[in-house]
């Protein structure tokens, strides 16, 4: 079930994120978007996620590259490069540069994954919302949520995973 609301995320995240360890900052993520009305995604390719990184733009500035401006190639802001061929290895199972106790993407656990928190919440566990101004749609947020929930596979579509 994927009923994520600001208050639900706060309660669930507090249990999941802080159950066994001390919190990274005073409090759980807050100001999170509700993605519960979006039907769960079950099929995707990592290339679809890479396309979001490569093409996400500010509607007021169609020439902006909201992800790759700050996270180009293999190394960007906070040591996170989201360039094609580098982003998966820089995200999945990798400790955050902001707090090494938090994984950027914790396969199977979107609520404790810093990437999802930063895309979904105004105040993630550490740092700020990404991209600045929250230009990612709730449908795209749900896509990332489900990708992480399903183990953050490199590929998952039809027969190719069999």
N, C-alpha and C. Protein backbone atom coordinates (compact mmCIF):
# COMPACT_ATOMS: atom_id res chain seq x y z
N UNK A 1 0.85 -1.18 0.00
CA UNK A 1 0.00 0.00 0.00
C UNK A 1 0.89 1.23 0.00
N UNK A 2 0.50 2.24 -0.76
CA UNK A 2 1.33 3.41 -0.88
C UNK A 2 0.50 4.64 -0.57
N UNK A 3 0.08 4.81 0.63
CA UNK A 3 -0.67 5.98 1.05
C UNK A 3 0.31 6.89 1.78
N UNK A 4 0.96 7.76 1.04
CA UNK A 4 1.97 8.62 1.63
C UNK A 4 1.42 10.04 1.68
N UNK A 5 1.23 10.53 2.88
CA UNK A 5 0.83 11.91 3.08
C UNK A 5 1.84 12.53 4.02
N UNK A 6 1.79 13.83 4.16
CA UNK A 6 2.73 14.50 5.06
C UNK A 6 2.72 13.92 6.45
N UNK A 7 1.52 13.76 7.05
CA UNK A 7 1.46 13.23 8.40
C UNK A 7 1.78 11.75 8.44
N UNK A 8 1.34 11.00 7.42
CA UNK A 8 1.65 9.57 7.39
C UNK A 8 3.14 9.36 7.21
N UNK A 9 3.75 10.14 6.32
CA UNK A 9 5.18 10.00 6.10
C UNK A 9 5.95 10.33 7.37
N UNK A 10 5.52 11.33 8.08
CA UNK A 10 6.20 11.69 9.32
C UNK A 10 6.16 10.54 10.31
N UNK A 11 4.98 9.95 10.50
CA UNK A 11 4.86 8.85 11.45
C UNK A 11 5.58 7.60 11.00
N UNK A 12 5.38 7.21 9.75
CA UNK A 12 6.03 6.01 9.23
C UNK A 12 7.53 6.20 9.16
N UNK A 13 7.95 7.34 8.65
CA UNK A 13 9.39 7.60 8.52
C UNK A 13 10.06 7.60 9.88
N UNK A 14 9.38 8.13 10.88
CA UNK A 14 9.96 8.15 12.22
C UNK A 14 10.22 6.72 12.69
N UNK A 15 9.28 5.81 12.42
CA UNK A 15 9.46 4.42 12.82
C UNK A 15 10.52 3.73 11.98
N UNK A 16 10.45 3.91 10.66
CA UNK A 16 11.38 3.22 9.77
C UNK A 16 12.78 3.80 9.81
N UNK A 17 12.88 5.10 9.82
CA UNK A 17 14.18 5.74 9.75
C UNK A 17 14.86 5.76 11.11
N UNK A 18 14.12 6.07 12.14
CA UNK A 18 14.73 6.32 13.44
C UNK A 18 14.54 5.19 14.44
N UNK A 19 13.93 4.08 14.01
CA UNK A 19 13.64 3.00 14.94
C UNK A 19 14.87 2.44 15.63
N UNK A 20 15.97 2.26 14.90
CA UNK A 20 17.14 1.62 15.49
C UNK A 20 18.30 2.57 15.70
N UNK A 21 18.24 3.74 15.13
CA UNK A 21 19.37 4.66 15.22
C UNK A 21 18.90 6.05 15.63
N UNK A 22 19.83 6.82 16.07
CA UNK A 22 19.52 8.19 16.44
C UNK A 22 19.21 9.00 15.19
N UNK A 23 18.32 9.97 15.24
CA UNK A 23 17.99 10.76 14.07
C UNK A 23 19.17 11.62 13.62
N UNK A 24 19.21 11.86 12.30
CA UNK A 24 20.28 12.66 11.74
C UNK A 24 20.10 14.13 12.07
N UNK A 25 18.88 14.56 12.21
CA UNK A 25 18.59 15.92 12.63
C UNK A 25 17.33 15.86 13.48
N UNK A 26 16.95 16.98 14.05
CA UNK A 26 15.82 16.98 14.97
C UNK A 26 14.51 16.85 14.21
N UNK A 27 14.05 15.64 13.98
CA UNK A 27 12.75 15.44 13.38
C UNK A 27 12.78 14.69 12.08
N UNK A 28 11.60 14.18 11.74
CA UNK A 28 11.42 13.41 10.53
C UNK A 28 11.12 14.36 9.37
N UNK A 29 11.17 13.84 8.14
CA UNK A 29 10.82 14.67 6.98
C UNK A 29 9.43 15.28 7.15
N UNK A 30 9.24 16.46 6.57
CA UNK A 30 7.94 17.11 6.67
C UNK A 30 7.64 17.87 5.38
N UNK A 31 6.39 18.28 5.24
CA UNK A 31 5.97 19.00 4.04
C UNK A 31 6.01 18.12 2.81
N UNK A 32 5.63 16.86 2.98
CA UNK A 32 5.72 15.88 1.90
C UNK A 32 4.45 15.88 1.06
N UNK A 33 4.62 15.67 -0.25
CA UNK A 33 3.49 15.60 -1.17
C UNK A 33 2.76 14.28 -1.00
N UNK A 34 1.45 14.30 -1.18
CA UNK A 34 0.63 13.10 -1.12
C UNK A 34 0.61 12.45 -2.50
N UNK A 35 1.13 11.23 -2.60
CA UNK A 35 1.14 10.52 -3.87
C UNK A 35 0.20 9.31 -3.85
N UNK A 36 -0.63 9.20 -2.82
CA UNK A 36 -1.47 8.02 -2.64
C UNK A 36 -2.52 7.84 -3.73
N UNK A 37 -2.93 8.88 -4.42
CA UNK A 37 -3.97 8.76 -5.44
C UNK A 37 -3.41 8.27 -6.78
N UNK A 38 -2.11 8.16 -6.90
CA UNK A 38 -1.49 7.74 -8.16
C UNK A 38 -1.36 6.22 -8.16
N UNK A 39 -1.84 5.59 -9.21
CA UNK A 39 -1.78 4.13 -9.32
C UNK A 39 -0.33 3.68 -9.27
N UNK A 40 -0.06 2.58 -8.57
CA UNK A 40 1.32 2.09 -8.47
C UNK A 40 1.89 1.70 -9.83
N UNK A 41 3.16 2.00 -10.01
CA UNK A 41 3.89 1.58 -11.20
C UNK A 41 4.44 0.18 -10.94
N UNK A 42 4.39 -0.68 -11.93
CA UNK A 42 4.93 -2.02 -11.78
C UNK A 42 5.95 -2.35 -12.85
N UNK A 43 6.00 -1.58 -13.92
CA UNK A 43 6.97 -1.82 -14.99
C UNK A 43 7.68 -0.53 -15.32
N UNK A 44 8.98 -0.62 -15.44
CA UNK A 44 9.79 0.53 -15.80
C UNK A 44 11.17 0.07 -16.18
N UNK A 45 11.90 0.93 -16.81
CA UNK A 45 13.31 0.72 -17.10
C UNK A 45 14.08 1.83 -16.41
N UNK A 46 15.28 1.54 -16.00
CA UNK A 46 16.07 2.59 -15.38
C UNK A 46 16.30 3.75 -16.35
N UNK A 47 16.28 3.48 -17.64
CA UNK A 47 16.46 4.55 -18.62
C UNK A 47 15.36 5.60 -18.48
N UNK A 48 14.16 5.19 -18.02
CA UNK A 48 13.10 6.17 -17.80
C UNK A 48 13.46 7.13 -16.66
N UNK A 49 14.09 6.59 -15.62
CA UNK A 49 14.54 7.43 -14.51
C UNK A 49 15.66 8.35 -15.00
N UNK A 50 16.59 7.79 -15.77
CA UNK A 50 17.69 8.60 -16.31
C UNK A 50 17.14 9.73 -17.18
N UNK A 51 16.08 9.44 -17.93
CA UNK A 51 15.48 10.48 -18.77
C UNK A 51 14.95 11.63 -17.93
N UNK A 52 14.39 11.33 -16.77
CA UNK A 52 13.93 12.40 -15.88
C UNK A 52 15.13 13.26 -15.46
N UNK A 53 16.23 12.61 -15.06
CA UNK A 53 17.42 13.36 -14.68
C UNK A 53 17.94 14.22 -15.83
N UNK A 54 17.90 13.67 -17.04
CA UNK A 54 18.48 14.35 -18.21
C UNK A 54 17.60 15.46 -18.77
N UNK A 55 16.28 15.35 -18.61
CA UNK A 55 15.38 16.28 -19.31
C UNK A 55 14.53 17.16 -18.41
N UNK A 56 14.55 16.96 -17.09
CA UNK A 56 13.72 17.76 -16.21
C UNK A 56 14.10 19.23 -16.32
N UNK A 57 13.13 20.05 -16.65
CA UNK A 57 13.39 21.48 -16.82
C UNK A 57 12.37 22.29 -16.03
N UNK A 58 12.74 23.52 -15.77
CA UNK A 58 11.85 24.49 -15.14
C UNK A 58 10.88 24.97 -16.22
N UNK A 59 9.56 24.86 -16.01
CA UNK A 59 8.61 25.30 -17.03
C UNK A 59 8.79 26.76 -17.41
N UNK A 60 9.34 27.57 -16.53
CA UNK A 60 9.57 28.98 -16.84
C UNK A 60 10.88 29.20 -17.60
N UNK A 61 11.72 28.16 -17.68
CA UNK A 61 12.98 28.25 -18.40
C UNK A 61 13.24 26.92 -19.09
N UNK A 62 12.73 26.76 -20.32
CA UNK A 62 12.84 25.47 -21.00
C UNK A 62 14.28 25.04 -21.31
N UNK A 63 15.23 25.94 -21.14
CA UNK A 63 16.63 25.59 -21.40
C UNK A 63 17.36 25.12 -20.15
N UNK A 64 16.66 25.12 -19.02
CA UNK A 64 17.29 24.69 -17.77
C UNK A 64 17.37 23.16 -17.74
N UNK A 65 18.36 22.65 -17.08
CA UNK A 65 18.50 21.22 -16.83
C UNK A 65 18.57 21.10 -15.31
N UNK A 66 17.43 20.91 -14.67
CA UNK A 66 17.35 21.01 -13.22
C UNK A 66 18.21 20.00 -12.48
N UNK A 67 18.38 18.81 -13.01
CA UNK A 67 19.21 17.81 -12.32
C UNK A 67 20.67 17.92 -12.75
N UNK A 68 20.89 17.93 -14.07
CA UNK A 68 22.26 17.86 -14.56
C UNK A 68 23.04 19.17 -14.41
N UNK A 69 22.38 20.29 -14.17
CA UNK A 69 23.12 21.52 -13.91
C UNK A 69 23.94 21.40 -12.63
N UNK A 70 23.36 20.80 -11.61
CA UNK A 70 24.06 20.68 -10.32
C UNK A 70 24.76 19.32 -10.15
N UNK A 71 24.27 18.31 -10.85
CA UNK A 71 24.81 16.95 -10.69
C UNK A 71 25.24 16.38 -12.04
N UNK A 72 26.19 17.05 -12.73
CA UNK A 72 26.58 16.58 -14.06
C UNK A 72 27.52 15.37 -14.00
N UNK A 73 27.56 14.62 -15.10
CA UNK A 73 28.53 13.54 -15.25
C UNK A 73 28.57 12.57 -14.10
N UNK A 74 29.80 12.25 -13.67
CA UNK A 74 29.94 11.27 -12.59
C UNK A 74 30.09 11.90 -11.21
N UNK A 75 30.35 13.20 -11.13
CA UNK A 75 30.47 13.87 -9.84
C UNK A 75 29.80 15.24 -9.92
N UNK A 76 28.92 15.50 -9.00
CA UNK A 76 28.26 16.80 -8.95
C UNK A 76 28.15 17.26 -7.52
N UNK A 77 27.17 18.10 -7.25
CA UNK A 77 26.94 18.60 -5.90
C UNK A 77 26.81 17.43 -4.93
N UNK A 78 27.40 17.55 -3.76
CA UNK A 78 27.40 16.52 -2.71
C UNK A 78 28.00 15.20 -3.20
N UNK A 79 28.86 15.28 -4.23
CA UNK A 79 29.49 14.08 -4.76
C UNK A 79 28.55 13.19 -5.55
N UNK A 80 27.41 13.71 -5.94
CA UNK A 80 26.40 12.93 -6.66
C UNK A 80 26.34 13.37 -8.11
N UNK A 81 26.84 12.53 -9.00
CA UNK A 81 26.72 12.76 -10.43
C UNK A 81 25.55 11.97 -10.97
N UNK A 82 24.66 12.63 -11.70
CA UNK A 82 23.48 11.96 -12.25
C UNK A 82 23.58 11.80 -13.76
N UNK A 83 24.80 11.83 -14.28
CA UNK A 83 24.99 11.65 -15.72
C UNK A 83 24.69 10.23 -16.15
N UNK A 84 24.31 10.08 -17.41
CA UNK A 84 24.00 8.77 -17.98
C UNK A 84 25.22 7.86 -17.84
N UNK A 85 24.99 6.68 -17.32
CA UNK A 85 26.06 5.72 -17.09
C UNK A 85 26.68 5.81 -15.71
N UNK A 86 26.35 6.86 -14.96
CA UNK A 86 26.92 7.05 -13.62
C UNK A 86 25.86 7.09 -12.52
N UNK A 87 24.66 7.53 -12.85
CA UNK A 87 23.66 7.82 -11.81
C UNK A 87 23.29 6.60 -10.98
N UNK A 88 23.06 5.45 -11.59
CA UNK A 88 22.64 4.28 -10.83
C UNK A 88 23.69 3.92 -9.77
N UNK A 89 24.95 3.85 -10.19
CA UNK A 89 26.03 3.49 -9.26
C UNK A 89 26.25 4.55 -8.19
N UNK A 90 25.86 5.80 -8.46
CA UNK A 90 26.00 6.88 -7.49
C UNK A 90 24.82 6.98 -6.53
N UNK A 91 23.74 6.25 -6.82
CA UNK A 91 22.53 6.34 -6.01
C UNK A 91 22.26 5.10 -5.16
N UNK A 92 22.21 3.95 -5.77
CA UNK A 92 21.69 2.74 -5.14
C UNK A 92 22.71 2.14 -4.16
N UNK A 93 22.30 2.11 -2.89
CA UNK A 93 23.14 1.56 -1.84
C UNK A 93 24.31 2.43 -1.44
N UNK A 94 24.30 3.69 -1.84
CA UNK A 94 25.40 4.61 -1.58
C UNK A 94 25.02 5.55 -0.44
N UNK A 95 25.93 5.71 0.50
CA UNK A 95 25.71 6.61 1.64
C UNK A 95 25.67 8.06 1.16
N UNK A 96 24.82 8.83 1.78
CA UNK A 96 24.72 10.26 1.48
C UNK A 96 25.98 10.99 1.96
N UNK A 97 26.42 11.95 1.17
CA UNK A 97 27.56 12.77 1.58
C UNK A 97 27.15 13.69 2.73
N UNK A 98 25.84 14.00 2.82
CA UNK A 98 25.36 14.89 3.87
C UNK A 98 25.26 14.19 5.22
N UNK A 99 24.96 12.88 5.19
CA UNK A 99 24.91 12.08 6.40
C UNK A 99 25.15 10.63 6.00
N UNK A 100 26.35 10.10 6.24
CA UNK A 100 26.67 8.74 5.82
C UNK A 100 25.80 7.65 6.44
N UNK A 101 25.00 7.98 7.43
CA UNK A 101 24.09 7.01 8.04
C UNK A 101 22.83 6.80 7.20
N UNK A 102 22.64 7.61 6.15
CA UNK A 102 21.46 7.56 5.30
C UNK A 102 21.89 7.17 3.90
N UNK A 103 21.21 6.19 3.31
CA UNK A 103 21.50 5.82 1.92
C UNK A 103 20.74 6.74 0.97
N UNK A 104 21.40 7.06 -0.13
CA UNK A 104 20.71 7.85 -1.16
C UNK A 104 19.49 7.09 -1.66
N UNK A 105 19.68 5.81 -1.98
CA UNK A 105 18.57 4.92 -2.33
C UNK A 105 18.77 3.63 -1.55
N UNK A 106 17.82 3.34 -0.68
CA UNK A 106 17.80 2.11 0.10
C UNK A 106 16.81 1.17 -0.58
N UNK A 107 17.30 0.22 -1.40
CA UNK A 107 16.40 -0.64 -2.17
C UNK A 107 15.33 -1.29 -1.27
N UNK A 108 14.08 -1.15 -1.71
CA UNK A 108 12.96 -1.70 -0.96
C UNK A 108 12.39 -0.77 0.08
N UNK A 109 13.03 0.36 0.33
CA UNK A 109 12.58 1.24 1.40
C UNK A 109 12.61 2.71 0.97
N UNK A 110 11.60 3.14 0.22
CA UNK A 110 11.60 4.52 -0.27
C UNK A 110 11.54 5.58 0.83
N UNK A 111 10.85 5.28 1.93
CA UNK A 111 10.71 6.30 2.97
C UNK A 111 12.02 6.60 3.68
N UNK A 112 12.96 5.66 3.66
CA UNK A 112 14.26 5.95 4.28
C UNK A 112 15.31 6.29 3.23
N UNK A 113 14.92 6.38 1.97
CA UNK A 113 15.84 6.75 0.89
C UNK A 113 15.88 8.26 0.75
N UNK A 114 17.08 8.83 0.86
CA UNK A 114 17.21 10.28 0.80
C UNK A 114 16.75 10.82 -0.54
N UNK A 115 16.96 10.08 -1.63
CA UNK A 115 16.50 10.56 -2.93
C UNK A 115 14.99 10.80 -2.91
N UNK A 116 14.21 9.82 -2.43
CA UNK A 116 12.77 10.01 -2.40
C UNK A 116 12.38 11.15 -1.47
N UNK A 117 13.00 11.22 -0.30
CA UNK A 117 12.68 12.31 0.64
C UNK A 117 12.94 13.66 -0.02
N UNK A 118 14.06 13.79 -0.74
CA UNK A 118 14.40 15.07 -1.36
C UNK A 118 13.47 15.43 -2.51
N UNK A 119 12.93 14.42 -3.20
CA UNK A 119 12.00 14.68 -4.29
C UNK A 119 10.58 14.92 -3.79
N UNK A 120 10.24 14.39 -2.61
CA UNK A 120 8.86 14.39 -2.13
C UNK A 120 8.58 15.36 -0.99
N UNK A 121 9.59 15.75 -0.24
CA UNK A 121 9.35 16.52 0.98
C UNK A 121 10.06 17.88 0.95
N UNK A 122 9.36 18.90 1.45
CA UNK A 122 9.97 20.22 1.57
C UNK A 122 11.16 20.20 2.52
N UNK A 123 11.06 19.38 3.57
CA UNK A 123 12.13 19.25 4.56
C UNK A 123 12.49 17.77 4.69
N UNK A 124 13.46 17.29 3.87
CA UNK A 124 13.90 15.90 4.02
C UNK A 124 14.72 15.74 5.30
N UNK A 125 15.13 14.52 5.58
CA UNK A 125 15.88 14.26 6.80
C UNK A 125 17.15 15.12 6.87
N UNK A 126 17.81 15.30 5.76
CA UNK A 126 18.95 16.22 5.67
C UNK A 126 18.86 17.00 4.37
N UNK A 127 19.39 18.19 4.37
CA UNK A 127 19.39 19.01 3.16
C UNK A 127 18.04 19.60 2.84
N UNK A 128 17.84 19.93 1.56
CA UNK A 128 16.61 20.55 1.12
C UNK A 128 15.98 19.80 -0.04
N UNK A 129 14.78 20.23 -0.40
CA UNK A 129 14.04 19.61 -1.50
C UNK A 129 14.79 19.79 -2.81
N UNK A 130 14.73 18.75 -3.65
CA UNK A 130 15.36 18.79 -4.96
C UNK A 130 14.32 18.44 -6.02
N UNK A 131 14.43 18.98 -7.18
CA UNK A 131 15.26 20.15 -7.44
C UNK A 131 14.69 21.36 -6.72
N UNK A 132 15.49 22.38 -6.53
CA UNK A 132 14.99 23.57 -5.84
C UNK A 132 13.69 24.06 -6.49
N UNK A 133 12.71 24.31 -5.68
CA UNK A 133 11.41 24.73 -6.19
C UNK A 133 10.45 23.57 -6.40
N UNK A 134 10.93 22.33 -6.23
CA UNK A 134 10.06 21.16 -6.33
C UNK A 134 9.42 20.97 -7.68
N UNK A 135 10.19 21.02 -8.75
CA UNK A 135 9.65 20.96 -10.10
C UNK A 135 9.32 19.56 -10.59
N UNK A 136 9.42 18.55 -9.74
CA UNK A 136 9.10 17.19 -10.15
C UNK A 136 7.64 16.90 -9.81
N UNK A 137 6.92 16.31 -10.74
CA UNK A 137 5.48 16.08 -10.54
C UNK A 137 5.24 14.97 -9.52
N UNK A 138 4.03 14.93 -8.98
CA UNK A 138 3.70 13.86 -8.04
C UNK A 138 3.69 12.50 -8.75
N UNK A 139 3.37 12.47 -10.03
CA UNK A 139 3.44 11.21 -10.79
C UNK A 139 4.88 10.74 -10.87
N UNK A 140 5.81 11.66 -11.15
CA UNK A 140 7.23 11.29 -11.17
C UNK A 140 7.70 10.87 -9.78
N UNK A 141 7.22 11.54 -8.75
CA UNK A 141 7.56 11.15 -7.37
C UNK A 141 7.10 9.72 -7.11
N UNK A 142 5.88 9.39 -7.51
CA UNK A 142 5.34 8.04 -7.32
C UNK A 142 6.15 7.02 -8.10
N UNK A 143 6.62 7.40 -9.28
CA UNK A 143 7.45 6.52 -10.09
C UNK A 143 8.74 6.18 -9.34
N UNK A 144 9.40 7.19 -8.77
CA UNK A 144 10.60 6.94 -7.98
C UNK A 144 10.28 6.11 -6.75
N UNK A 145 9.19 6.41 -6.08
CA UNK A 145 8.78 5.65 -4.89
C UNK A 145 8.65 4.16 -5.23
N UNK A 146 7.90 3.87 -6.30
CA UNK A 146 7.67 2.47 -6.66
C UNK A 146 8.94 1.78 -7.14
N UNK A 147 9.78 2.50 -7.86
CA UNK A 147 11.06 1.92 -8.29
C UNK A 147 11.88 1.51 -7.06
N UNK A 148 11.96 2.38 -6.07
CA UNK A 148 12.72 2.05 -4.85
C UNK A 148 12.02 0.93 -4.08
N UNK A 149 10.69 1.02 -3.97
CA UNK A 149 9.91 0.00 -3.25
C UNK A 149 10.14 -1.39 -3.83
N UNK A 150 10.28 -1.47 -5.15
CA UNK A 150 10.47 -2.75 -5.82
C UNK A 150 11.95 -3.16 -5.88
N UNK A 151 12.79 -2.53 -5.08
CA UNK A 151 14.18 -2.93 -4.96
C UNK A 151 15.16 -2.14 -5.79
N UNK A 152 14.73 -1.06 -6.41
CA UNK A 152 15.58 -0.21 -7.25
C UNK A 152 16.30 -1.00 -8.33
N UNK A 153 15.54 -1.80 -9.10
CA UNK A 153 16.19 -2.61 -10.13
C UNK A 153 16.75 -1.75 -11.26
N UNK A 154 17.80 -2.25 -11.87
CA UNK A 154 18.37 -1.56 -13.01
C UNK A 154 17.41 -1.63 -14.19
N UNK A 155 16.66 -2.71 -14.28
CA UNK A 155 15.69 -2.86 -15.35
C UNK A 155 14.54 -3.74 -14.86
N UNK A 156 13.33 -3.43 -15.29
CA UNK A 156 12.18 -4.26 -14.93
C UNK A 156 11.06 -3.96 -15.93
N UNK A 157 11.01 -4.78 -16.98
CA UNK A 157 9.96 -4.59 -17.95
C UNK A 157 9.78 -5.88 -18.74
N UNK A 158 8.66 -6.51 -18.59
CA UNK A 158 8.37 -7.70 -19.36
C UNK A 158 9.30 -8.86 -19.10
N UNK A 159 9.77 -9.48 -20.17
CA UNK A 159 10.52 -10.73 -20.07
C UNK A 159 12.01 -10.53 -19.85
N UNK A 160 12.52 -9.33 -19.97
CA UNK A 160 13.96 -9.14 -19.92
C UNK A 160 14.59 -9.49 -18.58
N UNK A 161 13.79 -9.51 -17.50
CA UNK A 161 14.33 -9.82 -16.18
C UNK A 161 14.26 -11.30 -15.86
N UNK A 162 13.80 -12.11 -16.78
CA UNK A 162 13.63 -13.55 -16.50
C UNK A 162 14.80 -14.35 -16.98
